[in-house]
């Protein structure tokens, strides 16, 4: 699976931004999708994940109620809607795909994800 994220940029505190990640190469709906981010000087961290159908989602506590992950399997795209942005959301955001299946599909660990996109930079100004 090839992944290409887009939609990053500069947003003011309290503003909104929508990231997109287009997938190609394999059957998109077979993959669990997730967003990770890496802030300057910090390790990459899990942000959100969505199951194959889009019906189940998980978030890191710091973005709950502000970010929404969704997917459109017809368009082979996963989204991250970022609302009420905070300066601490500044990071390079990466989309990732996992071929996990069954009841253990959900994981926050980077090693669970098989494919990664190149990332898109989000800067939240204070």
N, C-alpha and C. Protein backbone atom coordinates (compact mmCIF):
# COMPACT_ATOMS: atom_id res chain seq x y z
N UNK A 1 0.85 -1.20 0.00
CA UNK A 1 0.00 0.00 0.00
C UNK A 1 0.88 1.24 0.00
N UNK A 2 0.61 2.15 -0.91
CA UNK A 2 1.31 3.44 -0.92
C UNK A 2 0.37 4.48 -0.30
N UNK A 3 0.93 5.28 0.58
CA UNK A 3 0.13 6.27 1.30
C UNK A 3 0.70 7.67 1.05
N UNK A 4 -0.18 8.61 0.85
CA UNK A 4 0.24 9.99 0.64
C UNK A 4 -0.67 10.91 1.43
N UNK A 5 -0.10 11.54 2.45
CA UNK A 5 -0.86 12.47 3.27
C UNK A 5 -0.80 13.87 2.69
N UNK A 6 -1.85 14.63 2.94
CA UNK A 6 -1.91 16.02 2.50
C UNK A 6 -2.81 16.80 3.44
N UNK A 7 -2.80 18.11 3.27
CA UNK A 7 -3.69 18.96 4.06
C UNK A 7 -3.03 19.69 5.20
N UNK A 8 -1.76 19.41 5.45
CA UNK A 8 -1.07 20.12 6.51
C UNK A 8 -0.87 21.58 6.17
N UNK A 9 -0.50 22.34 7.20
CA UNK A 9 -0.27 23.77 6.98
C UNK A 9 -0.26 24.51 8.30
N UNK A 10 -0.45 25.81 8.20
CA UNK A 10 -0.45 26.68 9.38
C UNK A 10 -1.89 26.99 9.78
N UNK A 11 -2.19 26.83 11.06
CA UNK A 11 -3.52 27.14 11.57
C UNK A 11 -3.36 27.85 12.91
N UNK A 12 -4.26 28.74 13.20
CA UNK A 12 -4.22 29.46 14.47
C UNK A 12 -4.81 28.61 15.59
N UNK A 13 -4.42 28.91 16.79
CA UNK A 13 -5.01 28.24 17.95
C UNK A 13 -6.52 28.38 17.90
N UNK A 14 -7.19 27.26 18.10
CA UNK A 14 -8.65 27.24 18.05
C UNK A 14 -9.21 26.97 16.67
N UNK A 15 -8.34 26.95 15.68
CA UNK A 15 -8.78 26.74 14.31
C UNK A 15 -8.93 25.27 13.95
N UNK A 16 -9.26 25.03 12.68
CA UNK A 16 -9.51 23.68 12.19
C UNK A 16 -8.69 23.39 10.95
N UNK A 17 -8.42 22.11 10.77
CA UNK A 17 -7.67 21.65 9.61
C UNK A 17 -8.10 20.22 9.35
N UNK A 18 -8.16 19.84 8.08
CA UNK A 18 -8.47 18.45 7.76
C UNK A 18 -7.33 17.83 6.97
N UNK A 19 -6.79 16.78 7.51
CA UNK A 19 -5.76 16.03 6.82
C UNK A 19 -6.40 14.89 6.04
N UNK A 20 -5.81 14.59 4.91
CA UNK A 20 -6.26 13.47 4.09
C UNK A 20 -5.07 12.55 3.83
N UNK A 21 -5.37 11.30 3.64
CA UNK A 21 -4.34 10.32 3.29
C UNK A 21 -4.91 9.40 2.24
N UNK A 22 -4.39 9.50 1.04
CA UNK A 22 -4.85 8.68 -0.07
C UNK A 22 -4.00 7.42 -0.17
N UNK A 23 -4.68 6.30 -0.35
CA UNK A 23 -3.99 5.01 -0.44
C UNK A 23 -4.14 4.44 -1.84
N UNK A 24 -3.14 3.69 -2.23
CA UNK A 24 -3.20 3.03 -3.53
C UNK A 24 -2.39 1.74 -3.45
N UNK A 25 -2.67 0.87 -4.38
CA UNK A 25 -1.86 -0.33 -4.51
C UNK A 25 -2.52 -1.61 -4.06
N UNK A 26 -3.33 -1.54 -3.02
CA UNK A 26 -3.99 -2.74 -2.53
C UNK A 26 -5.41 -2.38 -2.09
N UNK A 27 -6.15 -3.37 -1.67
CA UNK A 27 -7.54 -3.15 -1.27
C UNK A 27 -7.57 -2.37 0.03
N UNK A 28 -7.94 -1.11 -0.08
CA UNK A 28 -7.89 -0.19 1.06
C UNK A 28 -8.72 -0.69 2.22
N UNK A 29 -9.90 -1.22 1.93
CA UNK A 29 -10.83 -1.62 2.99
C UNK A 29 -10.33 -2.82 3.79
N UNK A 30 -9.25 -3.44 3.38
CA UNK A 30 -8.68 -4.55 4.14
C UNK A 30 -7.75 -4.10 5.25
N UNK A 31 -7.52 -2.78 5.34
CA UNK A 31 -6.52 -2.27 6.25
C UNK A 31 -7.12 -1.39 7.34
N UNK A 32 -6.65 -1.61 8.54
CA UNK A 32 -6.87 -0.68 9.64
C UNK A 32 -6.00 0.54 9.35
N UNK A 33 -6.55 1.71 9.58
CA UNK A 33 -5.82 2.94 9.30
C UNK A 33 -5.64 3.75 10.59
N UNK A 34 -4.55 4.46 10.64
CA UNK A 34 -4.25 5.26 11.83
C UNK A 34 -3.48 6.51 11.45
N UNK A 35 -3.50 7.45 12.36
CA UNK A 35 -2.68 8.65 12.28
C UNK A 35 -1.74 8.66 13.48
N UNK A 36 -0.50 9.01 13.22
CA UNK A 36 0.51 9.23 14.25
C UNK A 36 1.05 10.65 14.05
N UNK A 37 1.76 11.14 15.04
CA UNK A 37 2.39 12.45 14.88
C UNK A 37 3.71 12.48 15.63
N UNK A 38 4.59 13.35 15.16
CA UNK A 38 5.89 13.52 15.81
C UNK A 38 6.17 15.00 15.93
N UNK A 39 6.17 15.47 17.16
CA UNK A 39 6.48 16.86 17.44
C UNK A 39 8.00 17.05 17.48
N UNK A 40 8.45 18.27 17.28
CA UNK A 40 9.90 18.52 17.31
C UNK A 40 10.53 18.06 18.62
N UNK A 41 11.57 17.26 18.51
CA UNK A 41 12.29 16.80 19.69
C UNK A 41 11.61 15.69 20.47
N UNK A 42 10.52 15.17 19.93
CA UNK A 42 9.78 14.13 20.64
C UNK A 42 9.65 12.88 19.79
N UNK A 43 9.26 11.80 20.43
CA UNK A 43 9.05 10.56 19.71
C UNK A 43 7.70 10.58 19.01
N UNK A 44 7.59 9.77 17.99
CA UNK A 44 6.32 9.64 17.28
C UNK A 44 5.30 9.00 18.21
N UNK A 45 4.08 9.54 18.17
CA UNK A 45 3.03 9.03 19.05
C UNK A 45 1.75 8.74 18.27
N UNK A 46 0.99 7.80 18.79
CA UNK A 46 -0.31 7.45 18.23
C UNK A 46 -1.29 8.60 18.44
N UNK A 47 -2.13 8.84 17.43
CA UNK A 47 -3.16 9.86 17.53
C UNK A 47 -4.56 9.23 17.47
N UNK A 48 -4.82 8.45 16.42
CA UNK A 48 -6.15 7.89 16.24
C UNK A 48 -6.08 6.70 15.30
N UNK A 49 -7.06 5.82 15.44
CA UNK A 49 -7.16 4.66 14.55
C UNK A 49 -8.62 4.41 14.21
N UNK A 50 -8.84 3.81 13.06
CA UNK A 50 -10.19 3.47 12.60
C UNK A 50 -10.17 2.07 12.01
N UNK A 51 -11.24 1.31 12.26
CA UNK A 51 -11.28 -0.06 11.76
C UNK A 51 -11.65 -0.07 10.28
N UNK A 52 -11.79 -1.25 9.73
CA UNK A 52 -11.95 -1.39 8.29
C UNK A 52 -13.19 -0.70 7.74
N UNK A 53 -14.28 -0.77 8.47
CA UNK A 53 -15.53 -0.18 7.99
C UNK A 53 -15.67 1.30 8.35
N UNK A 54 -14.87 1.74 9.30
CA UNK A 54 -15.00 3.11 9.80
C UNK A 54 -15.93 3.24 10.99
N UNK A 55 -16.47 2.11 11.43
CA UNK A 55 -17.44 2.16 12.49
C UNK A 55 -16.89 2.22 13.90
N UNK A 56 -15.61 1.92 14.06
CA UNK A 56 -14.98 1.94 15.38
C UNK A 56 -13.71 2.79 15.31
N UNK A 57 -13.59 3.69 16.25
CA UNK A 57 -12.44 4.58 16.29
C UNK A 57 -11.85 4.65 17.70
N UNK A 58 -10.57 4.96 17.76
CA UNK A 58 -9.89 5.16 19.03
C UNK A 58 -9.00 6.40 18.93
N UNK A 59 -8.82 7.06 20.07
CA UNK A 59 -8.04 8.29 20.09
C UNK A 59 -7.13 8.33 21.31
N UNK A 60 -6.04 9.03 21.17
CA UNK A 60 -5.23 9.35 22.34
C UNK A 60 -6.01 10.38 23.16
N UNK A 61 -5.85 10.36 24.45
CA UNK A 61 -6.66 11.22 25.32
C UNK A 61 -6.52 12.70 24.97
N UNK A 62 -5.36 13.10 24.54
CA UNK A 62 -5.10 14.53 24.32
C UNK A 62 -5.89 15.11 23.15
N UNK A 63 -6.44 14.27 22.29
CA UNK A 63 -7.20 14.79 21.14
C UNK A 63 -8.67 14.41 21.18
N UNK A 64 -9.08 13.63 22.16
CA UNK A 64 -10.48 13.23 22.25
C UNK A 64 -11.38 14.45 22.34
N UNK A 65 -12.46 14.41 21.56
CA UNK A 65 -13.39 15.52 21.53
C UNK A 65 -12.99 16.64 20.60
N UNK A 66 -11.77 16.61 20.09
CA UNK A 66 -11.29 17.65 19.16
C UNK A 66 -10.99 17.11 17.77
N UNK A 67 -10.45 15.92 17.70
CA UNK A 67 -10.09 15.31 16.42
C UNK A 67 -11.08 14.21 16.09
N UNK A 68 -11.28 14.00 14.78
CA UNK A 68 -12.12 12.91 14.31
C UNK A 68 -11.43 12.20 13.16
N UNK A 69 -11.26 10.90 13.30
CA UNK A 69 -10.72 10.10 12.21
C UNK A 69 -11.90 9.45 11.48
N UNK A 70 -11.80 9.42 10.16
CA UNK A 70 -12.85 8.79 9.37
C UNK A 70 -12.21 8.25 8.09
N UNK A 71 -12.96 7.43 7.39
CA UNK A 71 -12.45 6.89 6.14
C UNK A 71 -13.56 6.79 5.13
N UNK A 72 -13.16 6.85 3.87
CA UNK A 72 -14.08 6.67 2.75
C UNK A 72 -13.48 5.57 1.89
N UNK A 73 -13.99 4.38 2.04
CA UNK A 73 -13.40 3.24 1.32
C UNK A 73 -13.61 3.34 -0.20
N UNK A 74 -14.64 4.04 -0.61
CA UNK A 74 -14.87 4.23 -2.05
C UNK A 74 -13.81 5.14 -2.66
N UNK A 75 -13.25 6.01 -1.83
CA UNK A 75 -12.22 6.94 -2.31
C UNK A 75 -10.81 6.55 -1.86
N UNK A 76 -10.71 5.42 -1.15
CA UNK A 76 -9.41 4.95 -0.66
C UNK A 76 -8.69 6.02 0.15
N UNK A 77 -9.43 6.68 1.01
CA UNK A 77 -8.88 7.81 1.73
C UNK A 77 -9.29 7.77 3.21
N UNK A 78 -8.35 8.12 4.06
CA UNK A 78 -8.63 8.30 5.47
C UNK A 78 -8.40 9.76 5.81
N UNK A 79 -9.19 10.27 6.74
CA UNK A 79 -9.15 11.69 7.09
C UNK A 79 -8.87 11.87 8.58
N UNK A 80 -8.34 13.03 8.91
CA UNK A 80 -8.23 13.44 10.30
C UNK A 80 -8.71 14.88 10.38
N UNK A 81 -9.89 15.04 10.92
CA UNK A 81 -10.44 16.39 11.12
C UNK A 81 -9.94 16.91 12.45
N UNK A 82 -9.23 18.01 12.41
CA UNK A 82 -8.65 18.61 13.61
C UNK A 82 -9.39 19.89 13.93
N UNK A 83 -10.06 19.92 15.05
CA UNK A 83 -10.77 21.11 15.51
C UNK A 83 -10.16 21.60 16.82
N UNK A 84 -10.44 22.83 17.14
CA UNK A 84 -9.93 23.43 18.40
C UNK A 84 -8.43 23.17 18.55
N UNK A 85 -7.70 23.46 17.50
CA UNK A 85 -6.27 23.17 17.49
C UNK A 85 -5.53 23.91 18.59
N UNK A 86 -4.51 23.25 19.11
CA UNK A 86 -3.68 23.81 20.17
C UNK A 86 -2.21 23.82 19.70
N UNK A 87 -1.40 24.71 20.24
CA UNK A 87 0.02 24.74 19.85
C UNK A 87 0.70 23.39 20.05
N UNK A 88 0.28 22.63 21.04
CA UNK A 88 0.88 21.31 21.28
C UNK A 88 0.50 20.28 20.23
N UNK A 89 -0.40 20.63 19.32
CA UNK A 89 -0.72 19.74 18.20
C UNK A 89 0.29 19.90 17.05
N UNK A 90 1.17 20.87 17.17
CA UNK A 90 2.18 21.08 16.13
C UNK A 90 3.07 19.85 16.01
N UNK A 91 3.12 19.30 14.79
CA UNK A 91 3.87 18.06 14.57
C UNK A 91 3.80 17.71 13.09
N UNK A 92 4.63 16.74 12.72
CA UNK A 92 4.46 16.10 11.43
C UNK A 92 3.50 14.94 11.65
N UNK A 93 2.46 14.90 10.85
CA UNK A 93 1.43 13.88 10.97
C UNK A 93 1.62 12.82 9.89
N UNK A 94 1.57 11.57 10.32
CA UNK A 94 1.77 10.43 9.43
C UNK A 94 0.53 9.55 9.42
N UNK A 95 0.15 9.08 8.25
CA UNK A 95 -0.88 8.06 8.20
C UNK A 95 -0.19 6.70 8.05
N UNK A 96 -0.86 5.69 8.56
CA UNK A 96 -0.29 4.35 8.55
C UNK A 96 -1.39 3.32 8.34
N UNK A 97 -1.00 2.19 7.76
CA UNK A 97 -1.95 1.12 7.46
C UNK A 97 -1.47 -0.18 8.10
N UNK A 98 -2.41 -0.89 8.65
CA UNK A 98 -2.11 -2.17 9.29
C UNK A 98 -2.96 -3.28 8.70
N UNK A 99 -2.34 -4.40 8.46
CA UNK A 99 -3.05 -5.56 7.93
C UNK A 99 -3.61 -6.46 9.02
N UNK A 100 -3.62 -5.97 10.26
CA UNK A 100 -4.16 -6.78 11.35
C UNK A 100 -5.63 -7.07 11.11
N UNK A 101 -6.09 -8.18 11.66
CA UNK A 101 -7.49 -8.56 11.50
C UNK A 101 -7.99 -9.21 12.77
N UNK A 102 -9.30 -9.40 12.84
CA UNK A 102 -9.89 -10.03 14.01
C UNK A 102 -10.07 -9.07 15.15
N UNK A 103 -10.33 -9.64 16.31
CA UNK A 103 -10.66 -8.82 17.48
C UNK A 103 -9.48 -8.03 18.01
N UNK A 104 -8.27 -8.37 17.62
CA UNK A 104 -7.07 -7.65 18.09
C UNK A 104 -6.60 -6.62 17.08
N UNK A 105 -7.52 -6.08 16.31
CA UNK A 105 -7.13 -5.18 15.23
C UNK A 105 -6.53 -3.90 15.74
N UNK A 106 -6.94 -3.46 16.93
CA UNK A 106 -6.56 -2.13 17.42
C UNK A 106 -5.19 -2.17 18.08
N UNK A 107 -4.34 -1.25 17.70
CA UNK A 107 -3.04 -1.13 18.34
C UNK A 107 -2.55 0.30 18.24
N UNK A 108 -1.89 0.76 19.30
CA UNK A 108 -1.24 2.07 19.31
C UNK A 108 0.25 1.95 18.99
N UNK A 109 0.71 0.76 18.85
CA UNK A 109 2.13 0.54 18.62
C UNK A 109 2.52 0.71 17.17
N UNK A 110 3.58 1.41 16.92
CA UNK A 110 4.03 1.65 15.55
C UNK A 110 4.36 0.35 14.83
N UNK A 111 4.84 -0.64 15.58
CA UNK A 111 5.24 -1.89 14.94
C UNK A 111 4.06 -2.66 14.36
N UNK A 112 2.84 -2.32 14.77
CA UNK A 112 1.65 -3.00 14.25
C UNK A 112 1.28 -2.53 12.85
N UNK A 113 1.89 -1.44 12.42
CA UNK A 113 1.52 -0.83 11.14
C UNK A 113 2.57 -1.15 10.09
N UNK A 114 2.06 -1.62 8.96
CA UNK A 114 2.94 -2.15 7.92
C UNK A 114 3.39 -1.12 6.91
N UNK A 115 2.56 -0.11 6.70
CA UNK A 115 2.83 0.87 5.66
C UNK A 115 2.67 2.27 6.24
N UNK A 116 3.55 3.16 5.79
CA UNK A 116 3.55 4.54 6.29
C UNK A 116 3.66 5.52 5.13
N UNK A 117 2.98 6.64 5.29
CA UNK A 117 3.13 7.73 4.34
C UNK A 117 4.26 8.64 4.78
N UNK A 118 4.66 9.59 3.95
CA UNK A 118 5.80 10.47 4.22
C UNK A 118 5.52 11.58 5.21
N UNK A 119 4.27 11.81 5.61
CA UNK A 119 3.99 12.82 6.61
C UNK A 119 3.65 14.18 6.05
N UNK A 120 2.88 14.93 6.82
CA UNK A 120 2.52 16.30 6.46
C UNK A 120 2.62 17.16 7.71
N UNK A 121 3.20 18.34 7.57
CA UNK A 121 3.48 19.20 8.72
C UNK A 121 2.27 20.06 9.07
N UNK A 122 1.92 20.03 10.35
CA UNK A 122 0.88 20.90 10.89
C UNK A 122 1.52 21.81 11.92
N UNK A 123 1.32 23.11 11.74
CA UNK A 123 1.85 24.09 12.68
C UNK A 123 0.68 24.90 13.24
N UNK A 124 0.55 24.90 14.55
CA UNK A 124 -0.51 25.65 15.21
C UNK A 124 0.12 26.85 15.90
N UNK A 125 -0.24 28.02 15.45
CA UNK A 125 0.34 29.24 16.00
C UNK A 125 -0.44 29.69 17.22
N UNK A 126 0.28 30.23 18.20
CA UNK A 126 -0.37 30.67 19.45
C UNK A 126 -0.71 32.14 19.38
